[in-house]
Amino acid sequence: MQTNSFITEGPSWVNGLSWADIIIIVLYFLFIVYLGIKYSKSGDEKSYFLAGRGMGWPVIGFSLFAASISSSTLIGQVGDAYSTGIAVFNYNLISVFVMIFFAWFILPFYIKSKIFTIPEFLEKRFSVASRYYFSAITIVVNIFLDAAGSLYAAAMVMKLVFPEASILTLSIIFAIVVAAYTIPGGLSAAIKVDLMQGIFLLVGAAVLTVYASYSGGADYVRGLMLNGDVLMKLVRSSDDASVPWLGMIVGIPILGMFFWGNNQQLVQRVLTAKSLDEGRKGVLLVGFLTTLTLFLIIIPGVMAIDLFPGLPKPDMVYPHLIMQLLPNVLIGFMIAAMVAALTSSLSGLLNSVATLFTMDFYTKFAPESSSKKKVMVGKMASLVVLLIAVAWAPQIGKQFGTLFKYYQEMLSIMAPPIVAAFMLGIFWKRTNAKGAFIGLMAGIILGIVNIVYKVNTGYSIFGEIHFLLTVPIYFVWSAIVMVVVSLMTEKPPLEKTEGLTFTMKDYREETLTLKEKSLGHNYRFWSYLLIGFCILILILFW
């Protein structure tokens, strides 16, 4: 084990890095830029924004996984595991069930309607007003939560290599690296790079887990499990500060649906599928990969409790494991693996915001624009997003506690009304445009009122409850408004529901079709295996 102190500021951080480590990191940067440029497609909007709609399920699955391992996962969840144990894995575990639901019931409507953006579906089902609102909210979330969060996390990691550099300076460097291949190349470049980075990340995380286990981490975790320690339990008491059991049941599914079913950054990758079946299999693949994060990301965070007690900054636990446990050369490899996760997230964000701005706003005001013009506007939008995110990134560490807390609490306000609109829109034909839009407005207004009240008093309007328990409150409030307004106003016209809402007839017809396929080609069979694996994990760590 290395002896360099991670906590000490100054040049001692660099002493644990050899020139070989630094060369590996630099070469990695150059390599991903080269790959991105090599696989770039930007001839027209279909190629630039959706990679030509020709991707297979392995590419989609690994790309989704790499993009989903964002700053809030690799940095935030490891830090949260160090503070509270494996309960943070519930966000991933419950989300796997959400992925299966999404693949079965929601993705078909996205693929069949040939949308470019998720807000575009709201226009087809409801109205252009709902599309504008959701698109604007998504752009704000992408910039201030995701893009800025990724830059902040990447900058914190790179302070290991350049301790004297500021967060702002390192954020600018990362922005330039990602922009170098994402802005010219579009989604095709991002996905091809993500495929490589997803594999790279899995290998790197597995290597670090092995080192942590052999350094005493495995014995520590085994002892916790034999003693029934709460650190190794997924299901917690109702007053647990990390993930209370009720919040796990009623809060996380809503956040998971927003992240996996309504998030332009991730769903856009599924929209590149050459067919519905390829898209579904890609989603199920990322579900299997996500379950591995318990063993490759979360549990190493718990091991760090024993290996390095008393670390003052939870967001730096994972980099600490790298610097203290790994030998030289592998340090460079793992820092590059972390960069892989963070740059994958950011590259997807840039393309998703470019797609949203171009297809949801610019095209509406300039419908006669050529494909070349739309691509150029998308590139300019990506550049503006980067500039704003770079400026905001340094504020995250100053204004909020941990990165994970920052991300989840902001999302708990923005996500529920949107999820309510999609769920009612797909599963209840009577929901109309007025009901959806007024419900969206009612949900966000309640969130703003709560934020203002909390800033002025220090308390939530819902009392002293966990933020996960506020999520269903926002959801139910928005849904009630949507139902009441829809019932009080006219029924939606047929063109707003035909082919855009769920029917049991379509489900039964698909069931008959799947009976003719072998199990290996039946997505429902793989879904059942995934559900069984998740239940097994839940039982083992109950």
Protein backbone atom coordinates (compact mmCIF):
# COMPACT_ATOMS: atom_id res chain seq x y z
CA MET A 1 0.00 0.00 0.00
CA GLN A 2 1.27 3.47 -0.82
CA THR A 3 1.99 5.96 1.91
CA ASN A 4 1.30 9.28 0.21
CA SER A 5 -1.27 11.28 2.13
CA PHE A 6 -4.42 12.04 0.17
CA ILE A 7 -5.67 14.56 2.67
CA THR A 8 -2.63 16.78 2.67
CA GLU A 9 -2.82 19.68 0.26
CA GLY A 10 0.00 20.52 -2.09
CA PRO A 11 2.69 18.62 -4.00
CA SER A 12 2.44 15.48 -1.82
CA TRP A 13 -0.63 14.45 -3.82
CA VAL A 14 1.53 14.22 -6.94
CA ASN A 15 4.17 12.05 -5.26
CA GLY A 16 1.96 8.98 -5.66
CA LEU A 17 1.85 9.46 -9.44
CA SER A 18 4.66 8.34 -11.71
CA TRP A 19 5.35 9.79 -15.12
CA ALA A 20 3.91 6.57 -16.51
CA ASP A 21 0.57 7.37 -14.79
CA ILE A 22 0.50 10.87 -16.21
CA ILE A 23 1.43 9.61 -19.69
CA ILE A 24 -1.43 7.04 -19.54
CA ILE A 25 -3.92 9.76 -18.60
CA VAL A 26 -2.74 12.10 -21.37
CA LEU A 27 -2.71 9.30 -23.96
CA TYR A 28 -6.22 8.35 -22.90
CA PHE A 29 -7.44 11.90 -23.51
CA LEU A 30 -5.90 11.87 -26.97
CA PHE A 31 -7.31 8.42 -27.72
CA ILE A 32 -10.94 9.28 -26.96
CA VAL A 33 -10.68 12.46 -29.03
CA TYR A 34 -9.28 10.40 -31.92
CA LEU A 35 -12.08 7.81 -31.62
CA GLY A 36 -14.74 10.49 -31.45
CA ILE A 37 -13.50 12.20 -34.58
CA LYS A 38 -13.08 8.88 -36.40
CA TYR A 39 -16.69 7.81 -35.79
CA SER A 40 -18.29 11.22 -36.16
CA LYS A 41 -21.40 11.69 -38.28
CA SER A 42 -22.81 15.16 -38.86
CA GLY A 43 -24.09 15.21 -42.43
CA ASP A 44 -27.74 15.70 -41.45
CA GLU A 45 -29.88 15.96 -38.32
CA LYS A 46 -30.72 12.23 -38.30
CA SER A 47 -27.04 11.29 -38.34
CA TYR A 48 -25.90 14.01 -35.93
CA PHE A 49 -28.66 13.74 -33.33
CA LEU A 50 -29.62 10.03 -33.56
CA ALA A 51 -26.58 8.35 -35.17
CA GLY A 52 -28.67 7.32 -38.19
CA ARG A 53 -31.00 5.09 -36.11
CA GLY A 54 -28.87 2.05 -36.87
CA MET A 55 -27.39 0.88 -33.55
CA GLY A 56 -27.49 -2.69 -32.21
CA TRP A 57 -28.25 -3.74 -28.64
CA PRO A 58 -24.65 -4.30 -27.39
CA VAL A 59 -23.61 -0.79 -28.43
CA ILE A 60 -26.76 0.71 -26.93
CA GLY A 61 -26.35 -1.22 -23.66
CA PHE A 62 -22.71 -0.33 -23.02
CA SER A 63 -23.26 3.25 -24.16
CA LEU A 64 -26.20 3.61 -21.77
CA PHE A 65 -24.16 2.13 -18.94
CA ALA A 66 -21.20 4.43 -19.52
CA ALA A 67 -23.47 7.46 -19.77
CA SER A 68 -25.44 6.48 -16.65
CA ILE A 69 -22.27 6.14 -14.55
CA SER A 70 -22.25 9.87 -14.14
CA SER A 71 -20.58 12.02 -11.52
CA SER A 72 -23.43 11.32 -9.11
CA THR A 73 -22.73 7.57 -9.38
CA LEU A 74 -18.98 7.19 -9.42
CA ILE A 75 -18.19 10.06 -7.06
CA GLY A 76 -21.45 10.64 -5.18
CA GLN A 77 -22.62 7.07 -4.56
CA VAL A 78 -19.22 5.85 -3.38
CA GLY A 79 -19.08 8.79 -0.98
CA ASP A 80 -22.59 8.04 0.23
CA ALA A 81 -21.69 4.35 0.74
CA TYR A 82 -18.71 5.47 2.83
CA SER A 83 -21.05 7.57 4.99
CA THR A 84 -24.11 5.34 5.30
CA GLY A 85 -23.43 1.88 3.79
CA ILE A 86 -24.94 0.10 0.80
CA ALA A 87 -28.43 1.61 1.07
CA VAL A 88 -27.51 4.02 -1.71
CA PHE A 89 -27.54 1.01 -4.08
CA ASN A 90 -31.34 1.07 -3.77
CA TYR A 91 -31.33 3.87 -6.33
CA ASN A 92 -29.75 1.45 -8.82
CA LEU A 93 -31.64 -1.68 -7.75
CA ILE A 94 -35.10 -0.14 -7.94
CA SER A 95 -34.15 1.54 -11.19
CA VAL A 96 -33.52 -1.88 -12.76
CA PHE A 97 -37.19 -2.72 -12.19
CA VAL A 98 -38.03 0.66 -13.72
CA MET A 99 -35.87 -0.16 -16.78
CA ILE A 100 -37.81 -3.38 -17.32
CA PHE A 101 -41.12 -1.51 -17.06
CA PHE A 102 -39.81 1.11 -19.47
CA ALA A 103 -38.65 -1.50 -22.01
CA TRP A 104 -41.98 -3.35 -21.89
CA PHE A 105 -44.53 -0.56 -21.87
CA ILE A 106 -43.08 2.86 -22.74
CA LEU A 107 -40.20 2.43 -25.19
CA PRO A 108 -42.51 1.05 -27.93
CA PHE A 109 -44.32 4.39 -28.12
CA TYR A 110 -41.03 6.29 -28.38
CA ILE A 111 -39.65 4.07 -31.15
CA LYS A 112 -42.86 3.84 -33.18
CA SER A 113 -43.50 7.59 -33.10
CA LYS A 114 -39.96 8.23 -34.51
CA ILE A 115 -39.36 11.15 -32.17
CA PHE A 116 -36.03 12.97 -31.89
CA THR A 117 -36.64 14.22 -28.35
CA ILE A 118 -38.65 13.00 -25.37
CA PRO A 119 -40.50 16.35 -25.09
CA GLU A 120 -41.56 15.81 -28.70
CA PHE A 121 -43.65 12.88 -27.49
CA LEU A 122 -45.54 15.23 -25.16
CA GLU A 123 -46.47 17.39 -28.12
CA LYS A 124 -47.73 14.38 -30.06
CA ARG A 125 -49.77 13.22 -27.06
CA PHE A 126 -50.78 16.60 -25.61
CA SER A 127 -49.70 19.99 -26.93
CA VAL A 128 -46.75 22.11 -27.94
CA ALA A 129 -46.95 23.98 -24.61
CA SER A 130 -46.18 20.78 -22.68
CA ARG A 131 -43.30 20.10 -25.05
CA TYR A 132 -41.79 23.55 -24.52
CA TYR A 133 -42.08 23.28 -20.74
CA PHE A 134 -40.50 19.83 -20.49
CA SER A 135 -37.77 20.70 -22.97
CA ALA A 136 -36.87 23.85 -21.06
CA ILE A 137 -36.83 22.00 -17.72
CA THR A 138 -34.68 19.24 -19.21
CA ILE A 139 -32.18 21.73 -20.59
CA VAL A 140 -31.91 23.41 -17.18
CA VAL A 141 -31.46 20.03 -15.44
CA ASN A 142 -28.85 18.97 -18.00
CA ILE A 143 -26.84 22.16 -17.61
CA PHE A 144 -26.94 22.83 -13.86
CA LEU A 145 -27.27 19.29 -12.48
CA ASP A 146 -25.66 16.96 -14.97
CA ALA A 147 -23.15 18.91 -17.06
CA ALA A 148 -21.90 21.11 -14.22
CA GLY A 149 -21.87 18.10 -11.87
CA SER A 150 -19.78 16.06 -14.31
CA LEU A 151 -17.29 18.88 -14.75
CA TYR A 152 -17.05 19.40 -10.99
CA ALA A 153 -16.45 15.69 -10.33
CA ALA A 154 -13.90 15.37 -13.13
CA ALA A 155 -12.07 18.44 -11.86
CA MET A 156 -11.96 17.02 -8.32
CA VAL A 157 -10.42 13.81 -9.64
CA MET A 158 -7.82 15.61 -11.73
CA LYS A 159 -6.70 17.61 -8.71
CA LEU A 160 -4.88 14.40 -7.86
CA VAL A 161 -2.64 15.07 -10.84
CA PHE A 162 -2.62 18.86 -10.73
CA PRO A 163 -3.25 19.84 -7.08
CA GLU A 164 -2.44 23.50 -7.60
CA ALA A 165 -5.00 23.94 -10.37
CA SER A 166 -8.39 25.43 -9.51
CA ILE A 167 -11.72 23.69 -10.08
CA LEU A 168 -12.53 26.32 -12.72
CA THR A 169 -9.31 25.73 -14.64
CA LEU A 170 -9.69 21.95 -14.63
CA SER A 171 -13.36 22.28 -15.62
CA ILE A 172 -12.32 24.32 -18.65
CA ILE A 173 -9.76 21.68 -19.66
CA PHE A 174 -12.33 18.90 -19.43
CA ALA A 175 -14.86 20.92 -21.36
CA ILE A 176 -12.37 21.38 -24.19
CA VAL A 177 -11.50 17.65 -24.28
CA VAL A 178 -15.13 16.52 -24.47
CA ALA A 179 -16.10 19.28 -26.88
CA ALA A 180 -13.29 18.25 -29.22
CA TYR A 181 -15.09 15.08 -30.29
CA THR A 182 -18.73 15.53 -29.21
CA ILE A 183 -19.54 18.86 -30.86
CA PRO A 184 -18.09 17.99 -34.30
CA GLY A 185 -19.16 14.33 -34.26
CA GLY A 186 -22.62 14.26 -32.70
CA LEU A 187 -24.27 11.26 -31.04
CA SER A 188 -22.56 8.70 -33.26
CA ALA A 189 -19.17 9.81 -31.96
CA ALA A 190 -20.40 9.88 -28.36
CA ILE A 191 -21.90 6.38 -28.55
CA LYS A 192 -18.87 4.74 -30.16
CA VAL A 193 -16.57 6.32 -27.56
CA ASP A 194 -18.98 5.29 -24.79
CA LEU A 195 -18.89 1.66 -25.94
CA MET A 196 -15.15 1.56 -25.35
CA GLN A 197 -15.38 3.55 -22.14
CA GLY A 198 -18.11 1.34 -20.68
CA ILE A 199 -15.88 -1.71 -21.03
CA PHE A 200 -12.87 0.27 -19.79
CA LEU A 201 -14.78 1.39 -16.71
CA LEU A 202 -15.96 -2.11 -15.81
CA VAL A 203 -12.42 -3.51 -16.02
CA GLY A 204 -10.97 -0.64 -14.00
CA ALA A 205 -13.62 -0.87 -11.28
CA ALA A 206 -13.11 -4.64 -11.04
CA VAL A 207 -9.33 -4.18 -10.62
CA LEU A 208 -9.81 -1.67 -7.81
CA THR A 209 -12.37 -3.92 -6.07
CA VAL A 210 -9.87 -6.79 -6.09
CA TYR A 211 -7.15 -4.61 -4.55
CA ALA A 212 -9.54 -3.26 -1.91
CA SER A 213 -10.68 -6.79 -1.06
CA TYR A 214 -7.17 -8.17 -0.65
CA SER A 215 -6.14 -5.16 1.43
CA GLY A 216 -8.58 -6.17 4.15
CA GLY A 217 -11.81 -4.83 2.70
CA ALA A 218 -13.32 -8.26 2.06
CA ASP A 219 -12.75 -9.36 5.66
CA TYR A 220 -14.34 -6.16 6.92
CA VAL A 221 -17.43 -6.57 4.75
CA ARG A 222 -17.72 -10.25 5.70
CA GLY A 223 -17.63 -9.29 9.37
CA LEU A 224 -20.33 -6.66 8.86
CA MET A 225 -22.61 -9.20 7.18
CA LEU A 226 -22.06 -11.87 9.84
CA ASN A 227 -22.89 -9.34 12.56
CA GLY A 228 -25.96 -8.10 10.70
CA ASP A 229 -24.57 -4.57 10.62
CA VAL A 230 -26.90 -1.95 9.16
CA LEU A 231 -24.13 -0.78 6.81
CA MET A 232 -24.69 -3.91 4.69
CA LYS A 233 -28.49 -3.75 4.65
CA LEU A 234 -30.54 -2.44 1.74
CA VAL A 235 -33.83 -2.25 3.62
CA ARG A 236 -33.60 0.35 6.37
CA SER A 237 -35.89 1.65 9.08
CA SER A 238 -38.45 4.37 8.42
CA ASP A 239 -36.29 6.99 10.13
CA ASP A 240 -33.06 6.09 8.31
CA ALA A 241 -31.24 9.19 7.11
CA SER A 242 -30.00 7.61 3.86
CA VAL A 243 -32.85 5.55 2.31
CA PRO A 244 -35.88 4.85 4.52
CA TRP A 245 -37.82 1.77 3.39
CA LEU A 246 -40.91 3.78 2.48
CA GLY A 247 -38.88 6.19 0.38
CA MET A 248 -37.33 3.19 -1.35
CA ILE A 249 -40.81 2.00 -2.38
CA VAL A 250 -42.62 5.25 -3.22
CA GLY A 251 -39.85 7.74 -4.00
CA ILE A 252 -37.07 6.00 -5.92
CA PRO A 253 -39.36 4.48 -8.63
CA ILE A 254 -40.50 7.98 -9.63
CA LEU A 255 -36.97 9.34 -9.76
CA GLY A 256 -35.90 6.19 -11.62
CA MET A 257 -38.63 6.62 -14.22
CA PHE A 258 -37.51 10.18 -14.88
CA PHE A 259 -33.85 9.13 -15.14
CA TRP A 260 -34.40 6.10 -17.39
CA GLY A 261 -37.69 6.86 -19.12
CA ASN A 262 -37.83 10.64 -19.52
CA ASN A 263 -34.15 11.64 -19.56
CA GLN A 264 -33.16 12.85 -23.02
CA GLN A 265 -29.49 12.08 -22.44
CA LEU A 266 -30.11 8.37 -21.87
CA VAL A 267 -33.25 7.68 -23.87
CA GLN A 268 -31.72 9.38 -26.90
CA ARG A 269 -29.25 6.50 -27.07
CA VAL A 270 -32.12 3.99 -27.16
CA LEU A 271 -33.77 6.00 -29.95
CA THR A 272 -30.74 5.18 -32.11
CA ALA A 273 -31.79 1.51 -32.16
CA LYS A 274 -32.32 -0.09 -35.55
CA SER A 275 -35.50 -1.73 -34.19
CA LEU A 276 -37.69 -1.88 -31.09
CA ASP A 277 -36.30 -5.30 -30.18
CA GLU A 278 -32.70 -4.02 -30.33
CA GLY A 279 -33.65 -1.08 -28.13
CA ARG A 280 -35.32 -3.31 -25.57
CA LYS A 281 -32.36 -5.68 -25.39
CA GLY A 282 -30.01 -2.73 -24.98
CA VAL A 283 -32.03 -1.49 -22.00
CA LEU A 284 -32.02 -4.97 -20.42
CA LEU A 285 -28.24 -5.23 -20.93
CA VAL A 286 -27.70 -2.00 -19.02
CA GLY A 287 -29.98 -3.41 -16.33
CA PHE A 288 -27.65 -6.38 -15.84
CA LEU A 289 -24.60 -4.10 -15.87
CA THR A 290 -26.22 -1.78 -13.32
CA THR A 291 -26.61 -4.61 -10.81
CA LEU A 292 -22.82 -5.03 -10.91
CA THR A 293 -22.36 -1.54 -9.47
CA LEU A 294 -23.16 -2.97 -6.01
CA PHE A 295 -20.01 -5.05 -6.11
CA LEU A 296 -17.76 -2.79 -8.20
CA ILE A 297 -18.68 0.67 -6.91
CA ILE A 298 -20.83 0.62 -3.76
CA ILE A 299 -19.15 -2.11 -1.67
CA PRO A 300 -15.64 -0.68 -2.25
CA GLY A 301 -17.00 2.51 -0.68
CA VAL A 302 -17.99 0.48 2.41
CA MET A 303 -14.56 -1.17 2.46
CA ALA A 304 -13.00 2.29 2.61
CA ILE A 305 -14.67 2.85 6.02
CA ASP A 306 -12.23 0.34 7.50
CA LEU A 307 -9.29 0.96 5.19
CA PHE A 308 -9.29 4.76 5.53
CA PRO A 309 -11.42 5.87 8.51
CA GLY A 310 -12.15 9.51 9.11
CA LEU A 311 -11.88 10.93 5.59
CA PRO A 312 -13.30 14.46 5.76
CA LYS A 313 -14.74 14.71 2.21
CA PRO A 314 -17.02 11.84 1.07
CA ASP A 315 -16.91 12.94 -2.57
CA MET A 316 -13.19 12.04 -2.67
CA VAL A 317 -13.42 8.49 -1.27
CA TYR A 318 -13.11 6.74 -4.64
CA PRO A 319 -10.07 8.76 -5.74
CA HIS A 320 -8.58 8.03 -2.31
CA LEU A 321 -8.97 4.28 -2.87
CA ILE A 322 -7.18 4.63 -6.19
CA MET A 323 -4.28 6.67 -4.85
CA GLN A 324 -3.69 4.61 -1.72
CA LEU A 325 -4.31 1.05 -2.90
CA LEU A 326 -3.06 0.77 -6.45
CA PRO A 327 0.53 0.63 -7.68
CA ASN A 328 1.86 3.08 -10.23
CA VAL A 329 0.66 2.59 -13.80
CA LEU A 330 -2.61 1.15 -12.45
CA ILE A 331 -3.19 4.52 -10.78
CA GLY A 332 -3.04 6.15 -14.20
CA PHE A 333 -5.28 3.44 -15.61
CA MET A 334 -7.93 3.96 -12.92
CA ILE A 335 -7.89 7.73 -13.07
CA ALA A 336 -8.40 7.33 -16.81
CA ALA A 337 -11.30 4.94 -16.04
CA MET A 338 -12.90 7.60 -13.86
CA VAL A 339 -12.38 10.12 -16.61
CA ALA A 340 -14.10 7.62 -18.91
CA ALA A 341 -17.24 7.68 -16.77
CA LEU A 342 -17.31 11.43 -16.37
CA THR A 343 -16.60 12.30 -19.99
CA SER A 344 -19.17 9.77 -21.23
CA SER A 345 -21.82 11.45 -19.14
CA LEU A 346 -20.84 14.90 -20.34
CA SER A 347 -20.63 13.96 -24.02
CA GLY A 348 -24.15 12.55 -23.91
CA LEU A 349 -25.42 15.66 -22.16
CA LEU A 350 -24.01 17.96 -24.80
CA ASN A 351 -25.69 16.08 -27.59
CA SER A 352 -28.99 15.79 -25.74
CA VAL A 353 -29.17 19.54 -25.04
CA ALA A 354 -28.19 20.28 -28.63
CA THR A 355 -30.99 17.99 -29.81
CA LEU A 356 -33.54 19.52 -27.44
CA PHE A 357 -32.73 23.11 -28.35
CA THR A 358 -32.55 22.47 -32.08
CA MET A 359 -35.54 20.16 -32.54
CA ASP A 360 -37.85 21.57 -29.85
CA PHE A 361 -37.18 25.30 -30.22
CA TYR A 362 -35.13 26.31 -33.25
CA THR A 363 -36.98 24.06 -35.72
CA LYS A 364 -40.29 25.48 -34.50
CA PHE A 365 -39.19 29.03 -35.27
CA ALA A 366 -37.32 28.15 -38.46
CA PRO A 367 -39.15 25.13 -39.91
CA GLU A 368 -37.63 25.58 -43.37
CA SER A 369 -34.04 25.31 -42.14
CA SER A 370 -31.79 22.86 -43.94
CA SER A 371 -30.26 19.84 -42.23
CA LYS A 372 -26.86 21.52 -42.38
CA LYS A 373 -28.24 24.59 -40.62
CA LYS A 374 -29.86 22.50 -37.88
CA VAL A 375 -26.60 20.67 -37.22
CA MET A 376 -24.77 24.01 -36.99
CA VAL A 377 -27.32 25.33 -34.49
CA GLY A 378 -26.93 22.14 -32.45
CA LYS A 379 -23.17 22.61 -32.31
CA MET A 380 -23.57 26.22 -31.15
CA ALA A 381 -26.04 25.10 -28.45
CA SER A 382 -23.50 22.55 -27.17
CA LEU A 383 -20.86 25.26 -26.92
CA VAL A 384 -23.15 27.57 -24.93
CA VAL A 385 -24.06 24.73 -22.57
CA LEU A 386 -20.40 24.05 -21.88
CA LEU A 387 -19.71 27.69 -21.10
CA ILE A 388 -22.57 27.89 -18.60
CA ALA A 389 -21.67 24.54 -16.99
CA VAL A 390 -18.02 25.60 -16.63
CA ALA A 391 -19.09 28.77 -14.85
CA TRP A 392 -21.47 26.93 -12.49
CA ALA A 393 -19.31 23.88 -11.66
CA PRO A 394 -17.17 25.57 -8.96
CA GLN A 395 -20.35 26.62 -7.10
CA ILE A 396 -21.42 23.01 -6.41
CA GLY A 397 -18.72 22.38 -3.83
CA LYS A 398 -19.31 25.78 -2.22
CA GLN A 399 -23.10 25.89 -2.06
CA PHE A 400 -24.07 22.23 -1.55
CA GLY A 401 -22.88 19.37 0.64
CA THR A 402 -22.07 16.30 -1.40
CA LEU A 403 -22.58 15.94 -5.11
CA PHE A 404 -25.08 13.11 -4.63
CA LYS A 405 -27.20 15.17 -2.23
CA TYR A 406 -27.13 18.13 -4.60
CA TYR A 407 -28.28 16.00 -7.53
CA GLN A 408 -31.02 14.00 -5.81
CA GLU A 409 -32.66 16.87 -3.91
CA MET A 410 -32.92 19.03 -7.02
CA LEU A 411 -34.28 16.11 -9.03
CA SER A 412 -36.89 15.30 -6.37
CA ILE A 413 -38.62 18.59 -7.18
CA MET A 414 -38.34 18.63 -10.98
CA ALA A 415 -39.01 14.99 -11.84
CA PRO A 416 -42.42 14.05 -10.30
CA PRO A 417 -44.71 16.33 -12.36
CA ILE A 418 -43.06 15.19 -15.59
CA VAL A 419 -43.32 11.51 -14.70
CA ALA A 420 -46.99 12.05 -13.83
CA ALA A 421 -47.65 13.57 -17.27
CA PHE A 422 -46.01 10.67 -19.10
CA MET A 423 -47.62 7.93 -17.01
CA LEU A 424 -51.13 9.36 -17.26
CA GLY A 425 -50.61 10.24 -20.91
CA ILE A 426 -49.67 6.69 -21.87
CA PHE A 427 -51.95 4.72 -19.56
CA TRP A 428 -55.09 6.92 -19.40
CA LYS A 429 -56.61 8.06 -22.69
CA ARG A 430 -58.81 10.64 -21.01
CA THR A 431 -55.81 12.82 -20.06
CA ASN A 432 -55.92 15.89 -22.29
CA ALA A 433 -53.57 18.76 -23.14
CA LYS A 434 -55.06 21.21 -20.64
CA GLY A 435 -54.90 18.72 -17.80
CA ALA A 436 -51.29 17.79 -18.56
CA PHE A 437 -50.03 21.36 -18.84
CA ILE A 438 -51.86 22.71 -15.78
CA GLY A 439 -50.68 19.68 -13.79
CA LEU A 440 -47.07 20.33 -14.84
CA MET A 441 -47.38 23.94 -13.76
CA ALA A 442 -49.01 23.00 -10.45
CA GLY A 443 -46.19 20.58 -9.68
CA ILE A 444 -43.34 23.00 -10.33
CA ILE A 445 -45.11 25.84 -8.49
CA LEU A 446 -45.40 23.63 -5.40
CA GLY A 447 -41.69 22.88 -5.70
CA ILE A 448 -40.78 26.57 -5.97
CA VAL A 449 -42.95 27.41 -2.95
CA ASN A 450 -41.18 24.72 -0.94
CA ILE A 451 -37.73 25.95 -1.98
CA VAL A 452 -38.53 29.55 -1.07
CA TYR A 453 -40.03 28.50 2.26
CA LYS A 454 -37.04 26.31 3.06
CA VAL A 455 -34.55 29.06 2.21
CA ASN A 456 -36.35 31.52 4.51
CA THR A 457 -37.14 29.20 7.41
CA GLY A 458 -34.77 26.26 7.09
CA TYR A 459 -37.74 23.84 7.05
CA SER A 460 -39.78 22.13 4.34
CA ILE A 461 -43.50 22.85 4.01
CA PHE A 462 -43.98 19.08 4.39
CA GLY A 463 -42.29 19.01 7.78
CA GLU A 464 -39.19 17.11 8.79
CA ILE A 465 -39.38 14.21 6.33
CA HIS A 466 -36.81 12.62 4.04
CA PHE A 467 -36.66 14.15 0.56
CA LEU A 468 -37.57 10.76 -0.95
CA LEU A 469 -40.92 11.01 0.82
CA THR A 470 -41.58 14.40 -0.77
CA VAL A 471 -41.29 12.86 -4.24
CA PRO A 472 -44.66 11.02 -4.15
CA ILE A 473 -46.29 14.16 -2.72
CA TYR A 474 -45.25 16.18 -5.76
CA PHE A 475 -46.25 13.27 -8.01
CA VAL A 476 -49.71 12.73 -6.52
CA TRP A 477 -50.44 16.48 -6.38
CA SER A 478 -49.55 16.89 -10.08
CA ALA A 479 -51.49 13.75 -11.06
CA ILE A 480 -54.61 14.86 -9.18
CA VAL A 481 -54.56 18.24 -10.93
CA MET A 482 -54.13 16.52 -14.30
CA VAL A 483 -57.04 14.15 -13.66
CA VAL A 484 -59.41 16.81 -12.33
CA VAL A 485 -58.71 19.32 -15.10
CA SER A 486 -58.93 16.62 -17.79
CA LEU A 487 -62.32 15.45 -16.49
CA MET A 488 -63.60 19.03 -16.34
CA THR A 489 -62.59 19.78 -19.93
CA GLU A 490 -63.10 18.17 -23.32
CA LYS A 491 -61.87 14.70 -24.28
CA PRO A 492 -58.61 14.60 -26.29
CA PRO A 493 -59.09 14.12 -30.06
CA LEU A 494 -58.44 10.68 -31.53
CA GLU A 495 -55.15 11.69 -33.16
CA LYS A 496 -53.76 12.47 -29.68
CA THR A 497 -54.39 8.97 -28.38
CA GLU A 498 -54.34 6.61 -31.37
CA GLY A 499 -51.03 4.71 -31.29
CA LEU A 500 -49.83 6.83 -28.37
CA THR A 501 -51.57 5.09 -25.48
CA PHE A 502 -51.36 1.60 -24.04
CA THR A 503 -54.02 -0.99 -24.88
CA MET A 504 -54.36 -4.57 -23.67
CA LYS A 505 -55.17 -5.62 -27.22
CA ASP A 506 -51.69 -4.65 -28.44
CA TYR A 507 -50.13 -6.32 -25.40
CA ARG A 508 -51.95 -9.62 -26.02
CA GLU A 509 -51.03 -9.58 -29.72
CA GLU A 510 -47.36 -9.11 -28.84
CA THR A 511 -47.59 -11.96 -26.32
CA LEU A 512 -48.79 -14.33 -29.08
CA THR A 513 -45.98 -13.18 -31.36
CA LEU A 514 -43.32 -13.77 -28.70
CA LYS A 515 -44.50 -17.37 -28.17
CA GLU A 516 -43.19 -18.16 -31.64
CA LYS A 517 -39.67 -16.97 -30.74
CA SER A 518 -36.97 -18.91 -28.93
CA LEU A 519 -36.21 -17.92 -25.33
CA GLY A 520 -32.90 -16.37 -26.36
CA HIS A 521 -34.73 -13.94 -28.66
CA ASN A 522 -37.56 -13.21 -26.26
CA TYR A 523 -36.95 -9.98 -24.33
CA ARG A 524 -39.49 -10.99 -21.67
CA PHE A 525 -37.46 -14.10 -20.83
CA TRP A 526 -34.36 -11.95 -20.20
CA SER A 527 -36.53 -9.58 -18.18
CA TYR A 528 -37.61 -12.40 -15.88
CA LEU A 529 -33.97 -13.46 -15.37
CA LEU A 530 -33.05 -9.88 -14.49
CA ILE A 531 -35.95 -9.60 -12.04
CA GLY A 532 -34.87 -12.86 -10.39
CA PHE A 533 -31.28 -11.63 -10.03
CA CYS A 534 -32.48 -8.36 -8.44
CA ILE A 535 -34.72 -10.25 -5.99
CA LEU A 536 -31.77 -12.47 -5.05
CA ILE A 537 -29.63 -9.40 -4.30
CA LEU A 538 -32.44 -7.92 -2.23
CA ILE A 539 -32.77 -11.12 -0.20
CA LEU A 540 -29.01 -11.45 0.37
CA PHE A 541 -28.71 -7.88 1.63
CA TRP A 542 -32.12 -7.49 3.27
